[in-house]
Structures are given as structure tokens and as C-alpha cells.
Amino acid sequence: MDWFRLDEKRDTLILKLHVQPNARSTGVSGLHDGALKVRLAAPAVDDKANKLLVDFIGRMLDLPANRVIIASGLHTRKKIVQIVHPEPSVITRVRELVP
């Protein structure tokens, strides 16, 4: 897939996301321009949307929030998120996000 890849050397799963803050609800809504589109029911002020994004991905993939890192795009809609030490079950769940 184009929107995620496994960096085996660094033991990191890398996700390319397009984030839509101020949405009615939080969830995944398919692909957008080669990235996974994530709607967030939080405004893009005071880091609220970024905090919700980390929490949402952690819950969605059954991971503690400290294993989800926004590597780039803290102030933009296009973000690179890293999952540190992903188990095979996490990679399977990521593959199933977009049928």
C-alpha cells in the first residue's frame, strides 16, 4: 500500500495521513491523495487535534499512546505518524483499515 510501510531496520510502521480537524465525528474515511484520511472531532488549536489523533490511533490499533508518534506535520493536515515496535497484529489491523 502507498499510505503505509514497514521500516524493518528501525522496527517502525510509518503511516501517511491526511487529517480533517473539526469533523462531526472521529474516524477513518478512506484514502485521500495517497494518504489515509482521518476525521477528527477536535479543533486544530492548542494541539487538540494532534492529541486526539494520537489517542485515536492508539485505541484503533490497541496500542499505548507512547508508541504512536507524529513524526512530521504537527501544524499541517498532511502528517507522518510512526508506530514504534509494531507487532504483526498491528500491521494486520492497519492493512484492514482500507478494504
N, C-alpha and C. Protein backbone atom coordinates (compact mmCIF):
# COMPACT_ATOMS: atom_id res chain seq x y z
N MET A 1 0.83 -1.19 0.00
CA MET A 1 0.00 0.00 0.00
C MET A 1 0.87 1.25 0.00
N ASP A 2 0.34 2.29 -0.55
CA ASP A 2 1.06 3.55 -0.69
C ASP A 2 1.08 4.36 0.61
N TRP A 3 0.06 4.23 1.44
CA TRP A 3 -0.09 5.10 2.60
C TRP A 3 0.58 4.55 3.86
N PHE A 4 1.08 3.33 3.84
CA PHE A 4 1.83 2.83 4.98
C PHE A 4 2.97 1.94 4.51
N ARG A 5 4.02 1.88 5.36
CA ARG A 5 5.13 0.98 5.05
C ARG A 5 5.82 0.60 6.34
N LEU A 6 6.44 -0.54 6.33
CA LEU A 6 7.18 -1.03 7.47
C LEU A 6 8.66 -0.78 7.26
N ASP A 7 9.28 -0.08 8.18
CA ASP A 7 10.72 0.15 8.16
C ASP A 7 11.32 -0.88 9.12
N GLU A 8 11.70 -2.02 8.58
CA GLU A 8 12.19 -3.12 9.41
C GLU A 8 13.49 -2.78 10.11
N LYS A 9 14.32 -1.99 9.47
CA LYS A 9 15.60 -1.61 10.07
C LYS A 9 15.40 -0.84 11.38
N ARG A 10 14.40 0.06 11.38
CA ARG A 10 14.11 0.85 12.58
C ARG A 10 12.97 0.28 13.41
N ASP A 11 12.40 -0.85 12.97
CA ASP A 11 11.28 -1.50 13.66
C ASP A 11 10.14 -0.50 13.90
N THR A 12 9.75 0.14 12.79
CA THR A 12 8.74 1.19 12.85
C THR A 12 7.77 1.04 11.68
N LEU A 13 6.50 1.20 11.97
CA LEU A 13 5.48 1.25 10.93
C LEU A 13 5.19 2.73 10.67
N ILE A 14 5.25 3.14 9.41
CA ILE A 14 5.09 4.54 9.04
C ILE A 14 3.77 4.71 8.30
N LEU A 15 2.94 5.64 8.79
CA LEU A 15 1.64 5.91 8.20
C LEU A 15 1.62 7.31 7.62
N LYS A 16 1.12 7.43 6.40
CA LYS A 16 0.93 8.74 5.77
C LYS A 16 -0.55 9.08 5.92
N LEU A 17 -0.84 10.20 6.60
CA LEU A 17 -2.22 10.56 6.91
C LEU A 17 -2.59 11.93 6.36
N HIS A 18 -3.86 12.06 6.03
CA HIS A 18 -4.47 13.36 5.71
C HIS A 18 -5.54 13.55 6.78
N VAL A 19 -5.37 14.58 7.61
CA VAL A 19 -6.23 14.79 8.77
C VAL A 19 -7.21 15.91 8.51
N GLN A 20 -8.46 15.68 8.90
CA GLN A 20 -9.51 16.70 8.79
C GLN A 20 -9.99 17.04 10.19
N PRO A 21 -9.50 18.14 10.77
CA PRO A 21 -9.99 18.55 12.09
C PRO A 21 -11.39 19.14 12.00
N ASN A 22 -12.01 19.33 13.14
CA ASN A 22 -13.36 19.91 13.26
C ASN A 22 -14.43 19.07 12.58
N ALA A 23 -14.22 17.78 12.47
CA ALA A 23 -15.23 16.90 11.88
C ALA A 23 -16.33 16.63 12.91
N ARG A 24 -17.46 16.15 12.45
CA ARG A 24 -18.56 15.82 13.37
C ARG A 24 -18.20 14.65 14.27
N SER A 25 -17.44 13.70 13.71
CA SER A 25 -17.05 12.53 14.49
C SER A 25 -15.62 12.14 14.11
N THR A 26 -15.01 11.36 14.95
CA THR A 26 -13.65 10.89 14.71
C THR A 26 -13.70 9.52 14.05
N GLY A 27 -12.94 9.35 12.97
CA GLY A 27 -12.91 8.06 12.30
C GLY A 27 -12.10 8.11 11.02
N VAL A 28 -11.94 6.94 10.43
CA VAL A 28 -11.23 6.79 9.16
C VAL A 28 -12.25 6.91 8.04
N SER A 29 -11.90 7.65 6.99
CA SER A 29 -12.85 7.79 5.88
C SER A 29 -12.20 7.50 4.53
N GLY A 30 -11.37 6.45 4.48
CA GLY A 30 -10.80 6.03 3.21
C GLY A 30 -9.48 6.70 2.89
N LEU A 31 -9.19 6.75 1.61
CA LEU A 31 -7.93 7.33 1.15
C LEU A 31 -8.17 8.70 0.52
N HIS A 32 -7.17 9.56 0.65
CA HIS A 32 -7.22 10.88 0.04
C HIS A 32 -5.81 11.22 -0.43
N ASP A 33 -5.63 11.33 -1.73
CA ASP A 33 -4.36 11.75 -2.30
C ASP A 33 -3.19 10.89 -1.81
N GLY A 34 -3.40 9.58 -1.78
CA GLY A 34 -2.34 8.65 -1.39
C GLY A 34 -2.10 8.53 0.10
N ALA A 35 -2.99 9.10 0.91
CA ALA A 35 -2.85 9.04 2.37
C ALA A 35 -4.17 8.54 2.97
N LEU A 36 -4.09 7.97 4.17
CA LEU A 36 -5.29 7.57 4.89
C LEU A 36 -5.94 8.82 5.45
N LYS A 37 -7.22 9.02 5.15
CA LYS A 37 -7.93 10.20 5.64
C LYS A 37 -8.54 9.89 7.00
N VAL A 38 -8.22 10.74 7.96
CA VAL A 38 -8.73 10.58 9.32
C VAL A 38 -9.48 11.85 9.70
N ARG A 39 -10.75 11.69 10.05
CA ARG A 39 -11.56 12.81 10.54
C ARG A 39 -11.37 12.90 12.06
N LEU A 40 -11.24 14.11 12.56
CA LEU A 40 -11.06 14.31 14.00
C LEU A 40 -12.09 15.31 14.52
N ALA A 41 -12.79 14.91 15.57
CA ALA A 41 -13.80 15.77 16.19
C ALA A 41 -13.12 16.66 17.23
N ALA A 42 -12.13 17.39 16.79
CA ALA A 42 -11.40 18.33 17.65
C ALA A 42 -10.86 19.45 16.76
N PRO A 43 -10.79 20.64 17.32
CA PRO A 43 -10.24 21.76 16.54
C PRO A 43 -8.73 21.68 16.44
N ALA A 44 -8.20 22.33 15.43
CA ALA A 44 -6.74 22.35 15.21
C ALA A 44 -6.12 23.52 15.96
N VAL A 45 -6.47 23.67 17.21
CA VAL A 45 -5.89 24.71 18.07
C VAL A 45 -5.43 24.07 19.38
N ASP A 46 -4.42 24.66 19.97
CA ASP A 46 -3.90 24.18 21.26
C ASP A 46 -3.55 22.69 21.23
N ASP A 47 -3.15 22.19 20.07
CA ASP A 47 -2.71 20.80 19.90
C ASP A 47 -3.82 19.78 20.16
N LYS A 48 -5.08 20.22 20.21
CA LYS A 48 -6.19 19.31 20.50
C LYS A 48 -6.36 18.23 19.43
N ALA A 49 -6.28 18.62 18.16
CA ALA A 49 -6.44 17.64 17.08
C ALA A 49 -5.30 16.62 17.10
N ASN A 50 -4.08 17.07 17.31
CA ASN A 50 -2.94 16.14 17.35
C ASN A 50 -3.06 15.17 18.51
N LYS A 51 -3.47 15.65 19.67
CA LYS A 51 -3.65 14.77 20.83
C LYS A 51 -4.73 13.74 20.56
N LEU A 52 -5.84 14.18 19.96
CA LEU A 52 -6.91 13.24 19.62
C LEU A 52 -6.43 12.23 18.59
N LEU A 53 -5.65 12.66 17.61
CA LEU A 53 -5.12 11.76 16.60
C LEU A 53 -4.28 10.65 17.23
N VAL A 54 -3.36 11.01 18.11
CA VAL A 54 -2.51 10.01 18.77
C VAL A 54 -3.36 9.06 19.60
N ASP A 55 -4.32 9.60 20.34
CA ASP A 55 -5.21 8.76 21.15
C ASP A 55 -6.05 7.83 20.27
N PHE A 56 -6.61 8.37 19.19
CA PHE A 56 -7.46 7.58 18.30
C PHE A 56 -6.67 6.44 17.65
N ILE A 57 -5.50 6.73 17.14
CA ILE A 57 -4.70 5.67 16.51
C ILE A 57 -4.31 4.62 17.54
N GLY A 58 -3.94 5.06 18.73
CA GLY A 58 -3.61 4.11 19.79
C GLY A 58 -4.78 3.19 20.12
N ARG A 59 -5.97 3.76 20.27
CA ARG A 59 -7.15 2.93 20.56
C ARG A 59 -7.50 2.03 19.39
N MET A 60 -7.43 2.57 18.18
CA MET A 60 -7.79 1.81 16.98
C MET A 60 -6.87 0.59 16.79
N LEU A 61 -5.59 0.77 17.12
CA LEU A 61 -4.61 -0.30 16.92
C LEU A 61 -4.28 -1.03 18.22
N ASP A 62 -4.98 -0.69 19.30
CA ASP A 62 -4.79 -1.32 20.61
C ASP A 62 -3.34 -1.17 21.08
N LEU A 63 -2.88 0.07 21.07
CA LEU A 63 -1.51 0.39 21.47
C LEU A 63 -1.53 1.50 22.51
N PRO A 64 -0.53 1.52 23.39
CA PRO A 64 -0.41 2.68 24.28
C PRO A 64 0.00 3.91 23.47
N ALA A 65 -0.46 5.06 23.89
CA ALA A 65 -0.21 6.30 23.14
C ALA A 65 1.27 6.61 22.98
N ASN A 66 2.11 6.13 23.90
CA ASN A 66 3.54 6.45 23.79
C ASN A 66 4.23 5.71 22.65
N ARG A 67 3.53 4.79 21.98
CA ARG A 67 4.10 4.11 20.81
C ARG A 67 3.65 4.73 19.50
N VAL A 68 2.83 5.78 19.59
CA VAL A 68 2.33 6.50 18.42
C VAL A 68 2.97 7.88 18.43
N ILE A 69 3.72 8.19 17.37
CA ILE A 69 4.48 9.44 17.32
C ILE A 69 4.15 10.18 16.03
N ILE A 70 3.81 11.46 16.14
CA ILE A 70 3.65 12.29 14.95
C ILE A 70 5.05 12.76 14.57
N ALA A 71 5.59 12.17 13.52
CA ALA A 71 6.97 12.44 13.11
C ALA A 71 7.10 13.74 12.32
N SER A 72 6.07 14.08 11.55
CA SER A 72 6.08 15.35 10.82
C SER A 72 4.65 15.79 10.55
N GLY A 73 4.49 17.09 10.38
CA GLY A 73 3.19 17.65 10.08
C GLY A 73 2.39 18.09 11.29
N LEU A 74 3.07 18.47 12.36
CA LEU A 74 2.35 18.90 13.57
C LEU A 74 1.39 20.04 13.31
N HIS A 75 1.67 20.88 12.33
CA HIS A 75 0.84 22.05 12.07
C HIS A 75 0.20 22.03 10.69
N THR A 76 0.13 20.84 10.07
CA THR A 76 -0.50 20.72 8.76
C THR A 76 -1.46 19.54 8.76
N ARG A 77 -2.26 19.46 7.71
CA ARG A 77 -3.18 18.33 7.57
C ARG A 77 -2.46 17.06 7.15
N LYS A 78 -1.35 17.20 6.44
CA LYS A 78 -0.59 16.04 5.99
C LYS A 78 0.42 15.69 7.08
N LYS A 79 0.30 14.46 7.58
CA LYS A 79 1.12 14.04 8.71
C LYS A 79 1.77 12.69 8.42
N ILE A 80 2.93 12.50 9.00
CA ILE A 80 3.58 11.20 9.02
C ILE A 80 3.56 10.74 10.47
N VAL A 81 2.96 9.59 10.70
CA VAL A 81 2.86 9.02 12.04
C VAL A 81 3.65 7.74 12.07
N GLN A 82 4.41 7.56 13.14
CA GLN A 82 5.21 6.35 13.31
C GLN A 82 4.64 5.52 14.46
N ILE A 83 4.57 4.22 14.22
CA ILE A 83 4.20 3.25 15.26
C ILE A 83 5.48 2.51 15.60
N VAL A 84 5.92 2.66 16.84
CA VAL A 84 7.17 2.06 17.28
C VAL A 84 6.93 0.60 17.69
N HIS A 85 7.81 -0.29 17.25
CA HIS A 85 7.77 -1.73 17.58
C HIS A 85 6.40 -2.36 17.29
N PRO A 86 5.93 -2.30 16.04
CA PRO A 86 4.61 -2.86 15.73
C PRO A 86 4.63 -4.38 15.71
N GLU A 87 3.69 -4.98 16.41
CA GLU A 87 3.53 -6.42 16.36
C GLU A 87 2.83 -6.79 15.05
N PRO A 88 2.92 -8.05 14.64
CA PRO A 88 2.22 -8.47 13.41
C PRO A 88 0.73 -8.17 13.44
N SER A 89 0.10 -8.24 14.61
CA SER A 89 -1.34 -7.95 14.70
C SER A 89 -1.63 -6.49 14.37
N VAL A 90 -0.72 -5.58 14.71
CA VAL A 90 -0.90 -4.16 14.40
C VAL A 90 -0.83 -3.95 12.89
N ILE A 91 0.13 -4.60 12.26
CA ILE A 91 0.27 -4.48 10.80
C ILE A 91 -0.98 -5.03 10.11
N THR A 92 -1.51 -6.12 10.62
CA THR A 92 -2.75 -6.70 10.06
C THR A 92 -3.90 -5.72 10.20
N ARG A 93 -4.06 -5.09 11.37
CA ARG A 93 -5.14 -4.13 11.58
C ARG A 93 -5.01 -2.93 10.65
N VAL A 94 -3.78 -2.47 10.43
CA VAL A 94 -3.55 -1.34 9.53
C VAL A 94 -3.96 -1.72 8.11
N ARG A 95 -3.60 -2.90 7.68
CA ARG A 95 -3.98 -3.35 6.33
C ARG A 95 -5.48 -3.41 6.14
N GLU A 96 -6.21 -3.70 7.22
CA GLU A 96 -7.66 -3.85 7.14
C GLU A 96 -8.41 -2.51 7.22
N LEU A 97 -7.72 -1.41 7.47
CA LEU A 97 -8.39 -0.12 7.58
C LEU A 97 -9.04 0.33 6.28
N VAL A 98 -8.41 -0.01 5.17
CA VAL A 98 -8.95 0.36 3.86
C VAL A 98 -9.11 -0.94 3.06
N PRO A 99 -10.37 -1.32 2.80
CA PRO A 99 -10.60 -2.57 2.06
C PRO A 99 -10.14 -2.50 0.62
